[in-house]
Protein backbone atom coordinates (compact mmCIF):
# COMPACT_ATOMS: atom_id res chain seq x y z
CA UNK A 1 0.00 0.00 0.00
CA UNK A 2 1.50 3.29 -1.11
CA UNK A 3 1.22 6.39 1.06
CA UNK A 4 1.61 9.92 -0.31
CA UNK A 5 1.69 13.44 1.02
CA UNK A 6 -0.48 14.62 -1.86
CA UNK A 7 -2.42 13.05 -4.72
CA UNK A 8 -3.25 15.48 -7.53
CA UNK A 9 -6.43 14.72 -9.47
CA UNK A 10 -7.53 16.13 -12.83
CA UNK A 11 -6.17 16.75 -16.30
CA UNK A 12 -2.78 16.47 -18.00
CA UNK A 13 -2.14 18.00 -21.41
CA UNK A 14 0.50 19.06 -23.90
CA UNK A 15 0.49 22.86 -24.21
CA UNK A 16 1.08 24.65 -27.51
CA UNK A 17 1.79 28.30 -26.69
CA UNK A 18 1.77 31.15 -29.22
CA UNK A 19 2.94 34.68 -28.39
CA UNK A 20 1.44 37.57 -30.35
CA UNK A 21 0.63 41.27 -30.01
CA UNK A 22 -2.04 41.13 -32.74
CA UNK A 23 -4.94 40.87 -30.30
CA UNK A 24 -6.99 43.72 -28.92
CA UNK A 25 -8.24 43.78 -25.32
CA UNK A 26 -11.78 45.01 -24.68
CA UNK A 27 -13.06 45.98 -21.23
CA UNK A 28 -16.51 44.57 -20.49
CA UNK A 29 -17.31 45.70 -16.92
CA UNK A 30 -20.98 44.81 -17.36
CA UNK A 31 -19.94 41.13 -17.35
CA UNK A 32 -18.75 40.49 -13.78
CA UNK A 33 -17.42 37.03 -14.55
CA UNK A 34 -15.56 38.16 -17.69
CA UNK A 35 -14.58 41.83 -17.37
CA UNK A 36 -12.11 41.74 -20.27
CA UNK A 37 -12.14 40.13 -23.70
CA UNK A 38 -9.39 39.45 -26.24
CA UNK A 39 -10.26 39.79 -29.94
CA UNK A 40 -8.53 39.28 -33.28
CA UNK A 41 -9.37 40.49 -36.76
CA UNK A 42 -11.98 38.22 -38.28
CA UNK A 43 -10.54 36.14 -41.12
CA UNK A 44 -6.97 37.28 -40.45
CA UNK A 45 -3.88 35.11 -40.59
CA UNK A 46 -1.88 35.75 -37.44
CA UNK A 47 1.89 35.27 -37.43
CA UNK A 48 3.00 34.68 -33.83
CA UNK A 49 6.31 36.11 -32.65
CA UNK A 50 7.21 32.90 -30.87
CA UNK A 51 5.84 29.40 -30.24
CA UNK A 52 6.62 26.82 -27.57
CA UNK A 53 5.52 23.29 -26.71
CA UNK A 54 5.35 22.54 -22.99
CA UNK A 55 3.40 20.44 -20.49
CA UNK A 56 0.25 21.53 -18.66
CA UNK A 57 -3.03 20.56 -17.06
CA UNK A 58 -4.08 21.25 -13.48
CA UNK A 59 -3.22 17.83 -12.08
CA UNK A 60 0.08 17.62 -13.94
CA UNK A 61 1.18 21.15 -13.01
CA UNK A 62 0.33 20.75 -9.33
CA UNK A 63 1.88 17.28 -9.11
CA UNK A 64 5.17 18.54 -10.54
CA UNK A 65 5.04 21.52 -8.17
CA UNK A 66 4.46 19.34 -5.09
CA UNK A 67 7.20 16.93 -6.10
CA UNK A 68 9.71 19.75 -6.55
CA UNK A 69 8.74 21.02 -3.11
CA UNK A 70 9.76 17.70 -1.62
CA UNK A 71 6.34 16.17 -1.09
CA UNK A 72 5.76 12.53 -1.98
CA UNK A 73 3.28 12.97 -4.82
CA UNK A 74 1.10 10.83 -7.08
CA UNK A 75 -1.27 11.83 -9.86
CA UNK A 76 -4.67 10.52 -10.92
CA UNK A 77 -5.31 11.49 -14.53
CA UNK A 78 -6.19 9.84 -17.84
CA UNK A 79 -4.19 9.99 -21.06
CA UNK A 80 -4.45 8.44 -24.49
CA UNK A 81 -2.45 5.51 -25.75
CA UNK A 82 -0.39 7.80 -27.96
CA UNK A 83 2.88 9.70 -28.25
CA UNK A 84 1.64 12.71 -26.29
CA UNK A 85 0.51 10.42 -23.48
CA UNK A 86 3.93 8.79 -23.35
CA UNK A 87 5.59 12.22 -23.28
CA UNK A 88 3.36 13.28 -20.38
CA UNK A 89 4.28 10.20 -18.36
CA UNK A 90 7.99 10.63 -19.15
CA UNK A 91 7.91 14.22 -17.97
CA UNK A 92 6.11 13.32 -14.73
CA UNK A 93 8.60 10.57 -13.96
CA UNK A 94 11.52 12.91 -14.60
CA UNK A 95 9.96 15.29 -12.08
CA UNK A 96 9.69 12.57 -9.45
CA UNK A 97 5.91 12.13 -9.60
CA UNK A 98 4.50 8.63 -9.01
CA UNK A 99 2.65 7.65 -12.21
CA UNK A 100 1.28 4.29 -11.09
CA UNK A 101 -2.28 5.65 -10.73
CA UNK A 102 -2.49 7.10 -14.25
CA UNK A 103 -5.23 5.64 -16.44
CA UNK A 104 -4.76 5.03 -20.18
CA UNK A 105 -7.57 5.22 -22.72
CA UNK A 106 -6.97 3.03 -25.80
CA UNK A 107 -9.53 4.94 -27.88
CA UNK A 108 -9.31 8.63 -26.93
CA UNK A 109 -6.41 10.96 -27.66
CA UNK A 110 -4.42 12.66 -24.92
CA UNK A 111 -5.44 16.20 -24.06
CA UNK A 112 -3.89 19.27 -25.65
CA UNK A 113 -4.19 23.02 -25.06
CA UNK A 114 -3.80 25.85 -27.57
CA UNK A 115 -2.70 28.93 -25.65
CA UNK A 116 -2.53 32.48 -26.94
CA UNK A 117 -0.32 34.77 -24.87
CA UNK A 118 -0.57 38.48 -25.53
CA UNK A 119 2.70 40.27 -26.08
CA UNK A 120 1.55 43.12 -23.88
CA UNK A 121 2.87 44.18 -20.48
CA UNK A 122 0.79 41.69 -18.51
CA UNK A 123 1.51 38.73 -20.84
CA UNK A 124 -1.99 37.41 -20.10
CA UNK A 125 -3.27 34.35 -21.95
CA UNK A 126 -6.34 32.54 -23.25
CA UNK A 127 -6.36 28.75 -23.35
CA UNK A 128 -8.40 26.49 -25.62
CA UNK A 129 -8.34 23.17 -23.79
CA UNK A 130 -9.18 19.88 -25.47
CA UNK A 131 -9.25 17.48 -22.56
CA UNK A 132 -9.37 14.33 -24.66
CA UNK A 133 -8.93 11.15 -22.64
CA UNK A 134 -9.23 13.11 -19.37
CA UNK A 135 -12.96 13.39 -20.05
CA UNK A 136 -13.17 9.62 -19.63
CA UNK A 137 -11.51 9.53 -16.22
CA UNK A 138 -13.24 7.08 -13.88
CA UNK A 139 -12.39 7.55 -10.22
CA UNK A 140 -12.92 4.70 -7.82
CA UNK A 141 -11.08 3.33 -4.83
CA UNK A 142 -10.01 0.19 -6.68
CA UNK A 143 -8.19 2.27 -9.30
CA UNK A 144 -6.05 3.75 -6.52
CA UNK A 145 -4.75 0.33 -5.54
CA UNK A 146 -5.12 0.97 -1.81
CA UNK A 147 -3.10 4.18 -1.92
CA UNK A 148 -3.50 6.74 0.83
CA UNK A 149 -2.68 10.44 1.09
CA UNK A 150 -2.68 13.24 3.63
CA UNK A 151 -4.19 15.63 1.08
CA UNK A 152 -6.05 15.34 -2.21
CA UNK A 153 -5.47 18.30 -4.52
CA UNK A 154 -8.53 18.34 -6.74
CA UNK A 155 -8.48 20.33 -9.98
CA UNK A 156 -10.93 20.60 -12.87
CA UNK A 157 -13.03 17.54 -13.71
CA UNK A 158 -14.63 17.17 -17.13
CA UNK A 159 -16.68 14.73 -19.16
CA UNK A 160 -20.08 13.15 -18.58
CA UNK A 161 -18.95 11.39 -15.39
CA UNK A 162 -17.55 14.42 -13.55
CA UNK A 163 -20.39 14.51 -10.98
CA UNK A 164 -20.04 10.81 -10.25
CA UNK A 165 -16.26 11.20 -9.97
CA UNK A 166 -16.69 14.13 -7.59
CA UNK A 167 -18.86 12.02 -5.31
CA UNK A 168 -16.35 9.16 -5.40
CA UNK A 169 -13.40 11.45 -4.69
CA UNK A 170 -14.94 12.92 -1.56
CA UNK A 171 -16.10 9.48 -0.45
CA UNK A 172 -12.56 8.18 -0.91
CA UNK A 173 -11.12 11.14 1.01
CA UNK A 174 -13.49 10.47 3.89
CA UNK A 175 -12.65 6.78 3.85
CA UNK A 176 -8.90 7.28 4.17
CA UNK A 177 -9.08 10.39 6.36
CA UNK A 178 -7.57 12.65 3.69
CA UNK A 179 -8.17 16.39 3.51
CA UNK A 180 -9.22 18.08 0.27
CA UNK A 181 -7.95 21.25 -1.39
CA UNK A 182 -10.25 22.02 -4.30
CA UNK A 183 -9.99 24.27 -7.34
CA UNK A 184 -13.31 23.64 -9.18
CA UNK A 185 -13.24 23.72 -12.99
CA UNK A 186 -15.63 25.08 -15.60
CA UNK A 187 -18.01 22.09 -15.44
CA UNK A 188 -18.33 22.43 -11.68
CA UNK A 189 -18.79 26.22 -11.71
CA UNK A 190 -21.49 26.00 -14.39
CA UNK A 191 -23.33 23.41 -12.30
CA UNK A 192 -23.39 25.92 -9.47
CA UNK A 193 -23.93 25.74 -5.75
CA UNK A 194 -26.91 23.35 -5.91
CA UNK A 195 -24.61 20.63 -7.25
CA UNK A 196 -21.55 21.53 -5.18
CA UNK A 197 -22.96 22.49 -1.79
CA UNK A 198 -22.53 19.09 -0.10
CA UNK A 199 -18.90 18.89 -1.24
CA UNK A 200 -17.99 22.44 -0.23
CA UNK A 201 -18.96 21.50 3.32
CA UNK A 202 -16.32 18.75 3.19
CA UNK A 203 -13.61 20.91 1.62
CA UNK A 204 -10.67 21.97 3.76
CA UNK A 205 -9.28 24.58 1.35
CA UNK A 206 -11.26 26.10 -1.53
CA UNK A 207 -9.23 28.10 -4.04
CA UNK A 208 -10.58 30.17 -6.93
CA UNK A 209 -9.57 33.20 -8.94
CA UNK A 210 -11.88 36.19 -8.55
CA UNK A 211 -13.83 35.58 -11.77
CA UNK A 212 -14.47 31.98 -10.71
CA UNK A 213 -15.46 33.08 -7.22
CA UNK A 214 -17.98 35.56 -8.65
CA UNK A 215 -19.46 32.89 -10.93
CA UNK A 216 -19.90 30.47 -8.03
CA UNK A 217 -21.32 33.16 -5.74
CA UNK A 218 -23.85 34.28 -8.37
CA UNK A 219 -25.14 30.70 -8.60
CA UNK A 220 -26.17 30.72 -4.97
CA UNK A 221 -27.31 34.21 -3.98
CA UNK A 222 -30.15 36.49 -5.01
CA UNK A 223 -29.01 39.91 -6.13
CA UNK A 224 -32.47 41.48 -6.24
CA UNK A 225 -32.28 45.24 -6.67
CA UNK A 226 -28.73 45.45 -5.39
CA UNK A 227 -25.93 46.48 -7.74
CA UNK A 228 -24.02 43.22 -8.39
CA UNK A 229 -20.73 45.16 -8.50
CA UNK A 230 -20.40 44.61 -4.75
CA UNK A 231 -19.15 41.13 -5.67
CA UNK A 232 -16.01 42.74 -7.10
CA UNK A 233 -14.85 43.12 -3.52
CA UNK A 234 -13.10 39.94 -2.28
CA UNK A 235 -14.30 40.54 1.30
CA UNK A 236 -17.89 39.79 0.23
CA UNK A 237 -16.90 36.79 -1.87
CA UNK A 238 -14.83 35.31 0.94
CA UNK A 239 -17.70 35.55 3.39
CA UNK A 240 -20.27 34.15 0.96
CA UNK A 241 -18.13 31.16 0.00
CA UNK A 242 -16.99 30.46 3.55
CA UNK A 243 -20.60 30.29 4.74
CA UNK A 244 -21.08 27.38 2.34
CA UNK A 245 -18.69 25.20 4.32
CA UNK A 246 -14.98 25.30 3.34
CA UNK A 247 -12.67 25.74 6.32
CA UNK A 248 -10.39 28.08 4.36
CA UNK A 249 -11.31 30.09 1.25
CA UNK A 250 -8.58 31.53 -0.98
CA UNK A 251 -9.24 34.00 -3.82
CA UNK A 252 -6.56 35.20 -6.24
CA UNK A 253 -6.89 38.41 -8.24
CA UNK A 254 -3.92 38.75 -10.55
CA UNK A 255 -1.68 41.75 -9.85
CA UNK A 256 -3.90 42.74 -6.91
CA UNK A 257 -2.68 39.74 -4.95
CA UNK A 258 -4.61 37.10 -3.04
CA UNK A 259 -6.96 36.90 -0.07
CA UNK A 260 -7.72 34.09 2.36
CA UNK A 261 -10.36 33.66 5.04
CA UNK A 262 -10.31 30.98 7.73
CA UNK A 263 -13.52 32.04 9.47
CA UNK A 264 -11.62 34.19 11.97
CA UNK A 265 -9.68 36.75 9.98
CA UNK A 266 -9.29 37.88 6.37
CA UNK A 267 -5.70 37.96 5.18
CA UNK A 268 -4.27 39.62 2.08
CA UNK A 269 -0.93 39.15 0.35
CA UNK A 270 0.53 41.39 -2.33
CA UNK A 271 2.16 39.88 -5.39
CA UNK A 272 5.89 39.28 -5.55
CA UNK A 273 7.22 41.46 -8.35
CA UNK A 274 8.95 39.59 -11.16
CA UNK A 275 9.63 39.83 -14.87
CA UNK A 276 6.60 38.42 -16.67
CA UNK A 277 7.24 36.03 -19.56
CA UNK A 278 3.80 34.39 -19.53
CA UNK A 279 1.00 33.62 -17.06
CA UNK A 280 0.33 30.00 -17.99
CA UNK A 281 0.06 27.79 -14.90
CA UNK A 282 0.35 30.66 -12.42
CA UNK A 283 -2.81 29.59 -10.58
CA UNK A 284 -1.57 26.03 -10.22
CA UNK A 285 1.81 27.28 -8.94
CA UNK A 286 0.11 29.52 -6.40
CA UNK A 287 -2.23 26.78 -5.17
CA UNK A 288 0.57 24.26 -4.82
CA UNK A 289 2.78 26.75 -3.03
CA UNK A 290 -0.07 27.71 -0.72
CA UNK A 291 -0.76 24.12 0.31
CA UNK A 292 2.95 23.43 0.85
CA UNK A 293 3.18 26.54 3.01
CA UNK A 294 0.00 25.65 4.87
CA UNK A 295 1.46 22.25 5.75
CA UNK A 296 4.97 23.52 6.44
CA UNK A 297 3.72 26.36 8.65
CA UNK A 298 1.16 24.20 10.49
CA UNK A 299 -1.95 25.95 9.20
CA UNK A 300 -0.66 29.53 9.22
CA UNK A 301 -2.76 31.10 6.44
CA UNK A 302 -0.88 34.39 6.02
CA UNK A 303 2.43 32.56 5.68
CA UNK A 304 0.86 30.10 3.24
CA UNK A 305 -0.21 33.04 1.06
CA UNK A 306 3.41 34.17 0.91
CA UNK A 307 4.56 30.71 -0.17
CA UNK A 308 1.98 30.74 -2.94
CA UNK A 309 2.99 34.20 -4.13
CA UNK A 310 6.67 33.32 -4.28
CA UNK A 311 6.05 30.11 -6.22
CA UNK A 312 3.69 31.78 -8.71
CA UNK A 313 6.10 34.69 -9.24
CA UNK A 314 8.81 32.20 -10.21
CA UNK A 315 6.56 30.59 -12.82
CA UNK A 316 5.88 33.99 -14.41
CA UNK A 317 9.55 34.31 -15.32
CA UNK A 318 9.68 31.14 -17.45
CA UNK A 319 7.77 29.88 -20.49
CA UNK A 320 5.06 27.32 -19.80
CA UNK A 321 3.43 26.16 -16.61
CA UNK A 322 6.18 24.03 -15.07
CA UNK A 323 9.65 25.32 -15.99
CA UNK A 324 9.77 27.98 -13.26
CA UNK A 325 8.37 25.92 -10.38
CA UNK A 326 10.61 26.18 -7.33
CA UNK A 327 12.30 23.42 -5.39
CA UNK A 328 11.78 23.13 -1.65
CA UNK A 329 15.14 24.71 -0.89
CA UNK A 330 14.77 27.58 -3.38
CA UNK A 331 11.31 28.47 -2.04
CA UNK A 332 12.30 28.28 1.63
CA UNK A 333 15.36 30.42 0.90
CA UNK A 334 12.99 33.18 -0.30
CA UNK A 335 10.71 33.09 2.76
């Protein structure tokens, strides 16, 4: 029976990143969940300034991050029986991640992401994610071969079985006494609070970016005649989401930093300034750094925020989602 510090659950993909300054950013403040849009000339042929092929996916990024931070880490994900799948496994093994729990789909292709990174000051990106075989992930206790973990790091779930998998994951966590840190994906956020409420009550750490937090909050509260812009303030979002059950709620907001609420006090951490190459995988780096800090500092939320900020700042300085992830020593040296 294998025992791990963390098991990361979710998707693994090959990222194809294109850098271009041909896009135009539009501000859409009337859309709380999507306040900015990126557009390109219709019918145009865009010549990117640079292109890179890297590795990505929430489960893969976080697993690599945890492993570099010295935690014994495994990953539950599903890949295709193809070259990309073999490359994903090779990369995970090189990073010290246990790959024994990976599922292989003989019919579906491995997931890929097409990422457009703007060549502007912020280097923000848009990702088109084809999850491929990950949509066919089937989570059950038997597939984990008796493995145990102190924490499950749950990222985006997709496919027709995501709700069933979610139920199984929390049941498994309860059965082995594992805690859950959860970053819900698009399928979960669209389902809203009615589908997620029972699981939020069992979540130890809930982490979302501000747009995701607004989307989830809007699914469970009545705005009435109030101006919905009050949800732009993290203090309201933190309180709303915490009332739904998570022990700790963390909300990131780009260059404005991150907030966390443990039911006693709201904490805020500014970003760590760094040269920005691209923003791919920054959320995964922050979440992984936060959990490592939370464990290393015995539940100290404000210190955990600092760990997350330092790890995410390092990722900003390198192409792709994994190249800049810090080792345990390099992160602790910066604390």
